[in-house]
Amino acid sequence: IGLKGRIIFEAPGLVALLTAHRALEEAVLSKQQNRFKPDVARKWVEL
């Protein structure tokens, strides 16, 4: 809605899960996949 919003967040399990998944992706995806995928991901998150 255009306002600035300030919050405290706590996501221990989700942060751990994201860290593990990212480490695996870095090792198994191609260079081009690792470069391009964040652009798609940011749009998905925005939606």
ModelCIF file with pLDDT and N, C-alpha, C, O atoms, coordinates in Angstrom:
data_MODEL
#
_entry.id   MODEL 
#
_entity.id                         1 
_entity.type                       polymer 
_entity.pdbx_number_of_molecules   1 
#
_entity_poly.entity_id                      1 
_entity_poly.type                           'polypeptide(L)' 
_entity_poly.nstd_linkage                   no 
_entity_poly.nstd_monomer                   no 
_entity_poly.pdbx_seq_one_letter_code       IGLKGRIIFEAPGLVALLTAHRALEEAVLSKQQNRFKPDVARKWVEL 
_entity_poly.pdbx_seq_one_letter_code_can   IGLKGRIIFEAPGLVALLTAHRALEEAVLSKQQNRFKPDVARKWVEL 
_entity_poly.pdbx_strand_id                 A 
#
loop_
_entity_poly_seq.entity_id 
_entity_poly_seq.num 
_entity_poly_seq.mon_id 
_entity_poly_seq.hetero 
1 1  ILE n 
1 2  GLY n 
1 3  LEU n 
1 4  LYS n 
1 5  GLY n 
1 6  ARG n 
1 7  ILE n 
1 8  ILE n 
1 9  PHE n 
1 10 GLU n 
1 11 ALA n 
1 12 PRO n 
1 13 GLY n 
1 14 LEU n 
1 15 VAL n 
1 16 ALA n 
1 17 LEU n 
1 18 LEU n 
1 19 THR n 
1 20 ALA n 
1 21 HIS n 
1 22 ARG n 
1 23 ALA n 
1 24 LEU n 
1 25 GLU n 
1 26 GLU n 
1 27 ALA n 
1 28 VAL n 
1 29 LEU n 
1 30 SER n 
1 31 LYS n 
1 32 GLN n 
1 33 GLN n 
1 34 ASN n 
1 35 ARG n 
1 36 PHE n 
1 37 LYS n 
1 38 PRO n 
1 39 ASP n 
1 40 VAL n 
1 41 ALA n 
1 42 ARG n 
1 43 LYS n 
1 44 TRP n 
1 45 VAL n 
1 46 GLU n 
1 47 LEU n 
#
_struct_asym.id          A 
_struct_asym.entity_id   1 
#
loop_
_ma_qa_metric.id 
_ma_qa_metric.mode 
_ma_qa_metric.name 
_ma_qa_metric.software_group_id 
_ma_qa_metric.type 
1 global pLDDT . pLDDT 
2 local  pLDDT . pLDDT 
#
_ma_qa_metric_global.metric_id      1 
_ma_qa_metric_global.metric_value   95.70 
_ma_qa_metric_global.model_id       1 
_ma_qa_metric_global.ordinal_id     1 
#
loop_
_ma_qa_metric_local.label_asym_id 
_ma_qa_metric_local.label_comp_id 
_ma_qa_metric_local.label_seq_id 
_ma_qa_metric_local.metric_id 
_ma_qa_metric_local.metric_value 
_ma_qa_metric_local.model_id 
_ma_qa_metric_local.ordinal_id 
A ILE 1  2 79.00 1 1  
A GLY 2  2 83.00 1 2  
A LEU 3  2 84.00 1 3  
A LYS 4  2 91.00 1 4  
A GLY 5  2 88.00 1 5  
A ARG 6  2 93.00 1 6  
A ILE 7  2 93.00 1 7  
A ILE 8  2 96.00 1 8  
A PHE 9  2 97.00 1 9  
A GLU 10 2 97.00 1 10 
A ALA 11 2 97.00 1 11 
A PRO 12 2 98.00 1 12 
A GLY 13 2 98.00 1 13 
A LEU 14 2 97.00 1 14 
A VAL 15 2 98.00 1 15 
A ALA 16 2 98.00 1 16 
A LEU 17 2 98.00 1 17 
A LEU 18 2 98.00 1 18 
A THR 19 2 98.00 1 19 
A ALA 20 2 98.00 1 20 
A HIS 21 2 98.00 1 21 
A ARG 22 2 98.00 1 22 
A ALA 23 2 98.00 1 23 
A LEU 24 2 98.00 1 24 
A GLU 25 2 98.00 1 25 
A GLU 26 2 97.00 1 26 
A ALA 27 2 97.00 1 27 
A VAL 28 2 97.00 1 28 
A LEU 29 2 97.00 1 29 
A SER 30 2 96.00 1 30 
A LYS 31 2 95.00 1 31 
A GLN 32 2 96.00 1 32 
A GLN 33 2 97.00 1 33 
A ASN 34 2 96.00 1 34 
A ARG 35 2 96.00 1 35 
A PHE 36 2 97.00 1 36 
A LYS 37 2 97.00 1 37 
A PRO 38 2 97.00 1 38 
A ASP 39 2 97.00 1 39 
A VAL 40 2 98.00 1 40 
A ALA 41 2 97.00 1 41 
A ARG 42 2 97.00 1 42 
A LYS 43 2 98.00 1 43 
A TRP 44 2 98.00 1 44 
A VAL 45 2 97.00 1 45 
A GLU 46 2 96.00 1 46 
A LEU 47 2 96.00 1 47 
#
loop_
_atom_site.group_PDB 
_atom_site.id 
_atom_site.type_symbol 
_atom_site.label_atom_id 
_atom_site.label_alt_id 
_atom_site.label_comp_id 
_atom_site.label_asym_id 
_atom_site.label_entity_id 
_atom_site.label_seq_id 
_atom_site.pdbx_PDB_ins_code 
_atom_site.Cartn_x 
_atom_site.Cartn_y 
_atom_site.Cartn_z 
_atom_site.occupancy 
_atom_site.B_iso_or_equiv 
_atom_site.pdbx_formal_charge 
_atom_site.auth_seq_id 
_atom_site.auth_comp_id 
_atom_site.auth_asym_id 
_atom_site.auth_atom_id 
_atom_site.pdbx_PDB_model_num 
ATOM 1   N N  . ILE A 1 1  ? 0.812  -1.218  0.000   1.00 79.00 ? 1  ILE A N  1 
ATOM 2   C CA . ILE A 1 1  ? 0.000  0.000   0.000   1.00 79.00 ? 1  ILE A CA 1 
ATOM 3   C C  . ILE A 1 1  ? 0.847  1.270   0.000   1.00 79.00 ? 1  ILE A C  1 
ATOM 4   O O  . ILE A 1 1  ? 0.305  2.374   0.050   1.00 79.00 ? 1  ILE A O  1 
ATOM 5   N N  . GLY A 1 2  ? 2.185  1.121   -0.056  1.00 83.00 ? 2  GLY A N  1 
ATOM 6   C CA . GLY A 1 2  ? 3.047  2.284   -0.220  1.00 83.00 ? 2  GLY A CA 1 
ATOM 7   C C  . GLY A 1 2  ? 3.686  2.812   1.043   1.00 83.00 ? 2  GLY A C  1 
ATOM 8   O O  . GLY A 1 2  ? 4.571  3.664   0.968   1.00 83.00 ? 2  GLY A O  1 
ATOM 9   N N  . LEU A 1 3  ? 3.262  2.329   2.215   1.00 84.00 ? 3  LEU A N  1 
ATOM 10  C CA . LEU A 1 3  ? 3.862  2.765   3.466   1.00 84.00 ? 3  LEU A CA 1 
ATOM 11  C C  . LEU A 1 3  ? 5.115  1.956   3.774   1.00 84.00 ? 3  LEU A C  1 
ATOM 12  O O  . LEU A 1 3  ? 5.289  0.849   3.265   1.00 84.00 ? 3  LEU A O  1 
ATOM 13  N N  . LYS A 1 4  ? 5.988  2.514   4.612   1.00 91.00 ? 4  LYS A N  1 
ATOM 14  C CA . LYS A 1 4  ? 7.085  1.745   5.162   1.00 91.00 ? 4  LYS A CA 1 
ATOM 15  C C  . LYS A 1 4  ? 6.543  0.906   6.312   1.00 91.00 ? 4  LYS A C  1 
ATOM 16  O O  . LYS A 1 4  ? 5.767  1.400   7.131   1.00 91.00 ? 4  LYS A O  1 
ATOM 17  N N  . GLY A 1 5  ? 6.937  -0.331  6.377   1.00 88.00 ? 5  GLY A N  1 
ATOM 18  C CA . GLY A 1 5  ? 6.499  -1.206  7.452   1.00 88.00 ? 5  GLY A CA 1 
ATOM 19  C C  . GLY A 1 5  ? 7.697  -1.810  8.158   1.00 88.00 ? 5  GLY A C  1 
ATOM 20  O O  . GLY A 1 5  ? 8.589  -2.361  7.513   1.00 88.00 ? 5  GLY A O  1 
ATOM 21  N N  . ARG A 1 6  ? 7.725  -1.711  9.486   1.00 93.00 ? 6  ARG A N  1 
ATOM 22  C CA . ARG A 1 6  ? 8.845  -2.250  10.274  1.00 93.00 ? 6  ARG A CA 1 
ATOM 23  C C  . ARG A 1 6  ? 8.331  -3.387  11.151  1.00 93.00 ? 6  ARG A C  1 
ATOM 24  O O  . ARG A 1 6  ? 7.342  -3.235  11.868  1.00 93.00 ? 6  ARG A O  1 
ATOM 25  N N  . ILE A 1 7  ? 9.003  -4.506  11.084  1.00 93.00 ? 7  ILE A N  1 
ATOM 26  C CA . ILE A 1 7  ? 8.600  -5.673  11.861  1.00 93.00 ? 7  ILE A CA 1 
ATOM 27  C C  . ILE A 1 7  ? 9.832  -6.393  12.410  1.00 93.00 ? 7  ILE A C  1 
ATOM 28  O O  . ILE A 1 7  ? 10.941 -6.257  11.895  1.00 93.00 ? 7  ILE A O  1 
ATOM 29  N N  . ILE A 1 8  ? 9.597  -7.157  13.463  1.00 96.00 ? 8  ILE A N  1 
ATOM 30  C CA . ILE A 1 8  ? 10.539 -8.192  13.880  1.00 96.00 ? 8  ILE A CA 1 
ATOM 31  C C  . ILE A 1 8  ? 10.048 -9.493  13.268  1.00 96.00 ? 8  ILE A C  1 
ATOM 32  O O  . ILE A 1 8  ? 8.852  -9.784  13.297  1.00 96.00 ? 8  ILE A O  1 
ATOM 33  N N  . PHE A 1 9  ? 10.964 -10.274 12.714  1.00 97.00 ? 9  PHE A N  1 
ATOM 34  C CA . PHE A 1 9  ? 10.563 -11.593 12.242  1.00 97.00 ? 9  PHE A CA 1 
ATOM 35  C C  . PHE A 1 9  ? 11.502 -12.652 12.803  1.00 97.00 ? 9  PHE A C  1 
ATOM 36  O O  . PHE A 1 9  ? 12.684 -12.404 13.040  1.00 97.00 ? 9  PHE A O  1 
ATOM 37  N N  . GLU A 1 10 ? 10.944 -13.832 13.006  1.00 97.00 ? 10 GLU A N  1 
ATOM 38  C CA . GLU A 1 10 ? 11.716 -14.983 13.462  1.00 97.00 ? 10 GLU A CA 1 
ATOM 39  C C  . GLU A 1 10 ? 11.323 -16.182 12.613  1.00 97.00 ? 10 GLU A C  1 
ATOM 40  O O  . GLU A 1 10 ? 10.165 -16.599 12.615  1.00 97.00 ? 10 GLU A O  1 
ATOM 41  N N  . ALA A 1 11 ? 12.276 -16.728 11.895  1.00 97.00 ? 11 ALA A N  1 
ATOM 42  C CA . ALA A 1 11 ? 12.012 -17.859 11.002  1.00 97.00 ? 11 ALA A CA 1 
ATOM 43  C C  . ALA A 1 11 ? 13.161 -18.852 11.077  1.00 97.00 ? 11 ALA A C  1 
ATOM 44  O O  . ALA A 1 11 ? 13.859 -19.058 10.084  1.00 97.00 ? 11 ALA A O  1 
ATOM 45  N N  . PRO A 1 12 ? 13.372 -19.472 12.232  1.00 98.00 ? 12 PRO A N  1 
ATOM 46  C CA . PRO A 1 12 ? 14.550 -20.334 12.402  1.00 98.00 ? 12 PRO A CA 1 
ATOM 47  C C  . PRO A 1 12 ? 14.595 -21.516 11.444  1.00 98.00 ? 12 PRO A C  1 
ATOM 48  O O  . PRO A 1 12 ? 15.631 -21.784 10.836  1.00 98.00 ? 12 PRO A O  1 
ATOM 49  N N  . GLY A 1 13 ? 13.475 -22.226 11.305  1.00 98.00 ? 13 GLY A N  1 
ATOM 50  C CA . GLY A 1 13 ? 13.472 -23.395 10.433  1.00 98.00 ? 13 GLY A CA 1 
ATOM 51  C C  . GLY A 1 13 ? 13.567 -23.040 8.975   1.00 98.00 ? 13 GLY A C  1 
ATOM 52  O O  . GLY A 1 13 ? 14.282 -23.697 8.218   1.00 98.00 ? 13 GLY A O  1 
ATOM 53  N N  . LEU A 1 14 ? 12.853 -22.004 8.566   1.00 97.00 ? 14 LEU A N  1 
ATOM 54  C CA . LEU A 1 14 ? 12.843 -21.605 7.164   1.00 97.00 ? 14 LEU A CA 1 
ATOM 55  C C  . LEU A 1 14 ? 14.211 -21.083 6.735   1.00 97.00 ? 14 LEU A C  1 
ATOM 56  O O  . LEU A 1 14 ? 14.660 -21.381 5.628   1.00 97.00 ? 14 LEU A O  1 
ATOM 57  N N  . VAL A 1 15 ? 14.881 -20.311 7.590   1.00 98.00 ? 15 VAL A N  1 
ATOM 58  C CA . VAL A 1 15 ? 16.214 -19.814 7.270   1.00 98.00 ? 15 VAL A CA 1 
ATOM 59  C C  . VAL A 1 15 ? 17.196 -20.980 7.152   1.00 98.00 ? 15 VAL A C  1 
ATOM 60  O O  . VAL A 1 15 ? 18.049 -20.986 6.264   1.00 98.00 ? 15 VAL A O  1 
ATOM 61  N N  . ALA A 1 16 ? 17.080 -21.957 8.039   1.00 98.00 ? 16 ALA A N  1 
ATOM 62  C CA . ALA A 1 16 ? 17.942 -23.138 7.951   1.00 98.00 ? 16 ALA A CA 1 
ATOM 63  C C  . ALA A 1 16 ? 17.691 -23.902 6.652   1.00 98.00 ? 16 ALA A C  1 
ATOM 64  O O  . ALA A 1 16 ? 18.630 -24.331 5.981   1.00 98.00 ? 16 ALA A O  1 
ATOM 65  N N  . LEU A 1 17 ? 16.426 -24.066 6.311   1.00 98.00 ? 17 LEU A N  1 
ATOM 66  C CA . LEU A 1 17 ? 16.062 -24.793 5.100   1.00 98.00 ? 17 LEU A CA 1 
ATOM 67  C C  . LEU A 1 17 ? 16.558 -24.074 3.850   1.00 98.00 ? 17 LEU A C  1 
ATOM 68  O O  . LEU A 1 17 ? 17.084 -24.713 2.939   1.00 98.00 ? 17 LEU A O  1 
ATOM 69  N N  . LEU A 1 18 ? 16.400 -22.765 3.796   1.00 98.00 ? 18 LEU A N  1 
ATOM 70  C CA . LEU A 1 18 ? 16.886 -21.983 2.659   1.00 98.00 ? 18 LEU A CA 1 
ATOM 71  C C  . LEU A 1 18 ? 18.401 -22.078 2.532   1.00 98.00 ? 18 LEU A C  1 
ATOM 72  O O  . LEU A 1 18 ? 18.925 -22.172 1.422   1.00 98.00 ? 18 LEU A O  1 
ATOM 73  N N  . THR A 1 19 ? 19.106 -22.054 3.657   1.00 98.00 ? 19 THR A N  1 
ATOM 74  C CA . THR A 1 19 ? 20.565 -22.147 3.638   1.00 98.00 ? 19 THR A CA 1 
ATOM 75  C C  . THR A 1 19 ? 21.018 -23.479 3.064   1.00 98.00 ? 19 THR A C  1 
ATOM 76  O O  . THR A 1 19 ? 21.937 -23.525 2.246   1.00 98.00 ? 19 THR A O  1 
ATOM 77  N N  . ALA A 1 20 ? 20.380 -24.558 3.488   1.00 98.00 ? 20 ALA A N  1 
ATOM 78  C CA . ALA A 1 20 ? 20.742 -25.883 2.992   1.00 98.00 ? 20 ALA A CA 1 
ATOM 79  C C  . ALA A 1 20 ? 20.437 -26.022 1.505   1.00 98.00 ? 20 ALA A C  1 
ATOM 80  O O  . ALA A 1 20 ? 21.262 -26.527 0.743   1.00 98.00 ? 20 ALA A O  1 
ATOM 81  N N  . HIS A 1 21 ? 19.265 -25.579 1.097   1.00 98.00 ? 21 HIS A N  1 
ATOM 82  C CA . HIS A 1 21 ? 18.855 -25.709 -0.301  1.00 98.00 ? 21 HIS A CA 1 
ATOM 83  C C  . HIS A 1 21 ? 19.755 -24.890 -1.212  1.00 98.00 ? 21 HIS A C  1 
ATOM 84  O O  . HIS A 1 21 ? 20.122 -25.343 -2.296  1.00 98.00 ? 21 HIS A O  1 
ATOM 85  N N  . ARG A 1 22 ? 20.107 -23.704 -0.783  1.00 98.00 ? 22 ARG A N  1 
ATOM 86  C CA . ARG A 1 22 ? 20.969 -22.844 -1.597  1.00 98.00 ? 22 ARG A CA 1 
ATOM 87  C C  . ARG A 1 22 ? 22.353 -23.478 -1.783  1.00 98.00 ? 22 ARG A C  1 
ATOM 88  O O  . ARG A 1 22 ? 22.924 -23.430 -2.873  1.00 98.00 ? 22 ARG A O  1 
ATOM 89  N N  . ALA A 1 23 ? 22.878 -24.064 -0.720  1.00 98.00 ? 23 ALA A N  1 
ATOM 90  C CA . ALA A 1 23 ? 24.193 -24.701 -0.809  1.00 98.00 ? 23 ALA A CA 1 
ATOM 91  C C  . ALA A 1 23 ? 24.177 -25.860 -1.803  1.00 98.00 ? 23 ALA A C  1 
ATOM 92  O O  . ALA A 1 23 ? 25.133 -26.055 -2.553  1.00 98.00 ? 23 ALA A O  1 
ATOM 93  N N  . LEU A 1 24 ? 23.088 -26.627 -1.805  1.00 98.00 ? 24 LEU A N  1 
ATOM 94  C CA . LEU A 1 24 ? 22.978 -27.745 -2.741  1.00 98.00 ? 24 LEU A CA 1 
ATOM 95  C C  . LEU A 1 24 ? 22.833 -27.243 -4.170  1.00 98.00 ? 24 LEU A C  1 
ATOM 96  O O  . LEU A 1 24 ? 23.464 -27.775 -5.083  1.00 98.00 ? 24 LEU A O  1 
ATOM 97  N N  . GLU A 1 25 ? 22.005 -26.220 -4.370  1.00 98.00 ? 25 GLU A N  1 
ATOM 98  C CA . GLU A 1 25 ? 21.834 -25.653 -5.711  1.00 98.00 ? 25 GLU A CA 1 
ATOM 99  C C  . GLU A 1 25 ? 23.154 -25.115 -6.260  1.00 98.00 ? 25 GLU A C  1 
ATOM 100 O O  . GLU A 1 25 ? 23.471 -25.329 -7.430  1.00 98.00 ? 25 GLU A O  1 
ATOM 101 N N  . GLU A 1 26 ? 23.910 -24.430 -5.437  1.00 97.00 ? 26 GLU A N  1 
ATOM 102 C CA . GLU A 1 26 ? 25.186 -23.866 -5.891  1.00 97.00 ? 26 GLU A CA 1 
ATOM 103 C C  . GLU A 1 26 ? 26.097 -24.949 -6.448  1.00 97.00 ? 26 GLU A C  1 
ATOM 104 O O  . GLU A 1 26 ? 26.888 -24.697 -7.356  1.00 97.00 ? 26 GLU A O  1 
ATOM 105 N N  . ALA A 1 27 ? 25.985 -26.155 -5.903  1.00 97.00 ? 27 ALA A N  1 
ATOM 106 C CA . ALA A 1 27 ? 26.869 -27.242 -6.311  1.00 97.00 ? 27 ALA A CA 1 
ATOM 107 C C  . ALA A 1 27 ? 26.367 -28.011 -7.529  1.00 97.00 ? 27 ALA A C  1 
ATOM 108 O O  . ALA A 1 27 ? 27.172 -28.576 -8.270  1.00 97.00 ? 27 ALA A O  1 
ATOM 109 N N  . VAL A 1 28 ? 25.051 -28.042 -7.751  1.00 97.00 ? 28 VAL A N  1 
ATOM 110 C CA . VAL A 1 28 ? 24.520 -28.933 -8.791  1.00 97.00 ? 28 VAL A CA 1 
ATOM 111 C C  . VAL A 1 28 ? 23.916 -28.214 -9.994  1.00 97.00 ? 28 VAL A C  1 
ATOM 112 O O  . VAL A 1 28 ? 23.771 -28.826 -11.052 1.00 97.00 ? 28 VAL A O  1 
ATOM 113 N N  . LEU A 1 29 ? 23.560 -26.935 -9.869  1.00 97.00 ? 29 LEU A N  1 
ATOM 114 C CA . LEU A 1 29 ? 23.004 -26.219 -11.020 1.00 97.00 ? 29 LEU A CA 1 
ATOM 115 C C  . LEU A 1 29 ? 24.123 -25.684 -11.906 1.00 97.00 ? 29 LEU A C  1 
ATOM 116 O O  . LEU A 1 29 ? 25.253 -25.490 -11.456 1.00 97.00 ? 29 LEU A O  1 
ATOM 117 N N  . SER A 1 30 ? 23.790 -25.450 -13.163 1.00 96.00 ? 30 SER A N  1 
ATOM 118 C CA . SER A 1 30 ? 24.776 -24.874 -14.079 1.00 96.00 ? 30 SER A CA 1 
ATOM 119 C C  . SER A 1 30 ? 24.986 -23.399 -13.754 1.00 96.00 ? 30 SER A C  1 
ATOM 120 O O  . SER A 1 30 ? 24.197 -22.785 -13.036 1.00 96.00 ? 30 SER A O  1 
ATOM 121 N N  . LYS A 1 31 ? 26.057 -22.850 -14.293 1.00 95.00 ? 31 LYS A N  1 
ATOM 122 C CA . LYS A 1 31 ? 26.356 -21.431 -14.096 1.00 95.00 ? 31 LYS A CA 1 
ATOM 123 C C  . LYS A 1 31 ? 25.206 -20.558 -14.569 1.00 95.00 ? 31 LYS A C  1 
ATOM 124 O O  . LYS A 1 31 ? 24.825 -19.607 -13.886 1.00 95.00 ? 31 LYS A O  1 
ATOM 125 N N  . GLN A 1 32 ? 24.650 -20.874 -15.733 1.00 96.00 ? 32 GLN A N  1 
ATOM 126 C CA . GLN A 1 32 ? 23.575 -20.057 -16.279 1.00 96.00 ? 32 GLN A CA 1 
ATOM 127 C C  . GLN A 1 32 ? 22.294 -20.190 -15.444 1.00 96.00 ? 32 GLN A C  1 
ATOM 128 O O  . GLN A 1 32 ? 21.566 -19.213 -15.270 1.00 96.00 ? 32 GLN A O  1 
ATOM 129 N N  . GLN A 1 33 ? 22.021 -21.385 -14.933 1.00 97.00 ? 33 GLN A N  1 
ATOM 130 C CA . GLN A 1 33 ? 20.870 -21.551 -14.048 1.00 97.00 ? 33 GLN A CA 1 
ATOM 131 C C  . GLN A 1 33 ? 21.030 -20.704 -12.786 1.00 97.00 ? 33 GLN A C  1 
ATOM 132 O O  . GLN A 1 33 ? 20.104 -20.001 -12.380 1.00 97.00 ? 33 GLN A O  1 
ATOM 133 N N  . ASN A 1 34 ? 22.195 -20.777 -12.177 1.00 96.00 ? 34 ASN A N  1 
ATOM 134 C CA . ASN A 1 34 ? 22.434 -20.017 -10.948 1.00 96.00 ? 34 ASN A CA 1 
ATOM 135 C C  . ASN A 1 34 ? 22.371 -18.510 -11.180 1.00 96.00 ? 34 ASN A C  1 
ATOM 136 O O  . ASN A 1 34 ? 22.021 -17.756 -10.272 1.00 96.00 ? 34 ASN A O  1 
ATOM 137 N N  . ARG A 1 35 ? 22.706 -18.074 -12.377 1.00 96.00 ? 35 ARG A N  1 
ATOM 138 C CA . ARG A 1 35 ? 22.647 -16.642 -12.695 1.00 96.00 ? 35 ARG A CA 1 
ATOM 139 C C  . ARG A 1 35 ? 21.219 -16.170 -12.975 1.00 96.00 ? 35 ARG A C  1 
ATOM 140 O O  . ARG A 1 35 ? 20.810 -15.098 -12.529 1.00 96.00 ? 35 ARG A O  1 
ATOM 141 N N  . PHE A 1 36 ? 20.470 -16.980 -13.718 1.00 97.00 ? 36 PHE A N  1 
ATOM 142 C CA . PHE A 1 36 ? 19.154 -16.544 -14.185 1.00 97.00 ? 36 PHE A CA 1 
ATOM 143 C C  . PHE A 1 36 ? 18.048 -16.778 -13.168 1.00 97.00 ? 36 PHE A C  1 
ATOM 144 O O  . PHE A 1 36 ? 17.134 -15.963 -13.043 1.00 97.00 ? 36 PHE A O  1 
ATOM 145 N N  . LYS A 1 37 ? 18.126 -17.878 -12.448 1.00 97.00 ? 37 LYS A N  1 
ATOM 146 C CA . LYS A 1 37 ? 17.036 -18.277 -11.561 1.00 97.00 ? 37 LYS A CA 1 
ATOM 147 C C  . LYS A 1 37 ? 16.645 -17.200 -10.548 1.00 97.00 ? 37 LYS A C  1 
ATOM 148 O O  . LYS A 1 37 ? 15.449 -17.038 -10.306 1.00 97.00 ? 37 LYS A O  1 
ATOM 149 N N  . PRO A 1 38 ? 17.565 -16.459 -9.944  1.00 97.00 ? 38 PRO A N  1 
ATOM 150 C CA . PRO A 1 38 ? 17.147 -15.414 -8.991  1.00 97.00 ? 38 PRO A CA 1 
ATOM 151 C C  . PRO A 1 38 ? 16.212 -14.368 -9.588  1.00 97.00 ? 38 PRO A C  1 
ATOM 152 O O  . PRO A 1 38 ? 15.382 -13.811 -8.869  1.00 97.00 ? 38 PRO A O  1 
ATOM 153 N N  . ASP A 1 39 ? 16.328 -14.088 -10.887 1.00 97.00 ? 39 ASP A N  1 
ATOM 154 C CA . ASP A 1 39 ? 15.417 -13.120 -11.509 1.00 97.00 ? 39 ASP A CA 1 
ATOM 155 C C  . ASP A 1 39 ? 13.980 -13.646 -11.490 1.00 97.00 ? 39 ASP A C  1 
ATOM 156 O O  . ASP A 1 39 ? 13.045 -12.907 -11.182 1.00 97.00 ? 39 ASP A O  1 
ATOM 157 N N  . VAL A 1 40 ? 13.817 -14.918 -11.820 1.00 98.00 ? 40 VAL A N  1 
ATOM 158 C CA . VAL A 1 40 ? 12.494 -15.537 -11.773 1.00 98.00 ? 40 VAL A CA 1 
ATOM 159 C C  . VAL A 1 40 ? 11.992 -15.581 -10.337 1.00 98.00 ? 40 VAL A C  1 
ATOM 160 O O  . VAL A 1 40 ? 10.828 -15.289 -10.064 1.00 98.00 ? 40 VAL A O  1 
ATOM 161 N N  . ALA A 1 41 ? 12.884 -15.949 -9.424  1.00 97.00 ? 41 ALA A N  1 
ATOM 162 C CA . ALA A 1 41 ? 12.509 -16.089 -8.021  1.00 97.00 ? 41 ALA A CA 1 
ATOM 163 C C  . ALA A 1 41 ? 12.021 -14.771 -7.428  1.00 97.00 ? 41 ALA A C  1 
ATOM 164 O O  . ALA A 1 41 ? 11.035 -14.742 -6.693  1.00 97.00 ? 41 ALA A O  1 
ATOM 165 N N  . ARG A 1 42 ? 12.712 -13.687 -7.750  1.00 97.00 ? 42 ARG A N  1 
ATOM 166 C CA . ARG A 1 42 ? 12.302 -12.387 -7.206  1.00 97.00 ? 42 ARG A CA 1 
ATOM 167 C C  . ARG A 1 42 ? 10.912 -11.996 -7.688  1.00 97.00 ? 42 ARG A C  1 
ATOM 168 O O  . ARG A 1 42 ? 10.135 -11.414 -6.932  1.00 97.00 ? 42 ARG A O  1 
ATOM 169 N N  . LYS A 1 43 ? 10.594 -12.309 -8.940  1.00 98.00 ? 43 LYS A N  1 
ATOM 170 C CA . LYS A 1 43 ? 9.259  -11.989 -9.458  1.00 98.00 ? 43 LYS A CA 1 
ATOM 171 C C  . LYS A 1 43 ? 8.201  -12.841 -8.769  1.00 98.00 ? 43 LYS A C  1 
ATOM 172 O O  . LYS A 1 43 ? 7.125  -12.347 -8.434  1.00 98.00 ? 43 LYS A O  1 
ATOM 173 N N  . TRP A 1 44 ? 8.504  -14.125 -8.554  1.00 98.00 ? 44 TRP A N  1 
ATOM 174 C CA . TRP A 1 44 ? 7.568  -15.002 -7.853  1.00 98.00 ? 44 TRP A CA 1 
ATOM 175 C C  . TRP A 1 44 ? 7.303  -14.475 -6.445  1.00 98.00 ? 44 TRP A C  1 
ATOM 176 O O  . TRP A 1 44 ? 6.153  -14.409 -6.011  1.00 98.00 ? 44 TRP A O  1 
ATOM 177 N N  . VAL A 1 45 ? 8.358  -14.102 -5.736  1.00 97.00 ? 45 VAL A N  1 
ATOM 178 C CA . VAL A 1 45 ? 8.233  -13.566 -4.378  1.00 97.00 ? 45 VAL A CA 1 
ATOM 179 C C  . VAL A 1 45 ? 7.404  -12.283 -4.379  1.00 97.00 ? 45 VAL A C  1 
ATOM 180 O O  . VAL A 1 45 ? 6.558  -12.082 -3.508  1.00 97.00 ? 45 VAL A O  1 
ATOM 181 N N  . GLU A 1 46 ? 7.649  -11.432 -5.346  1.00 96.00 ? 46 GLU A N  1 
ATOM 182 C CA . GLU A 1 46 ? 6.915  -10.168 -5.453  1.00 96.00 ? 46 GLU A CA 1 
ATOM 183 C C  . GLU A 1 46 ? 5.419  -10.420 -5.642  1.00 96.00 ? 46 GLU A C  1 
ATOM 184 O O  . GLU A 1 46 ? 4.596  -9.755  -5.013  1.00 96.00 ? 46 GLU A O  1 
ATOM 185 N N  . LEU A 1 47 ? 5.062  -11.370 -6.499  1.00 96.00 ? 47 LEU A N  1 
ATOM 186 C CA . LEU A 1 47 ? 3.647  -11.686 -6.731  1.00 96.00 ? 47 LEU A CA 1 
ATOM 187 C C  . LEU A 1 47 ? 2.977  -12.182 -5.455  1.00 96.00 ? 47 LEU A C  1 
ATOM 188 O O  . LEU A 1 47 ? 1.786  -12.494 -5.464  1.00 96.00 ? 47 LEU A O  1 
#
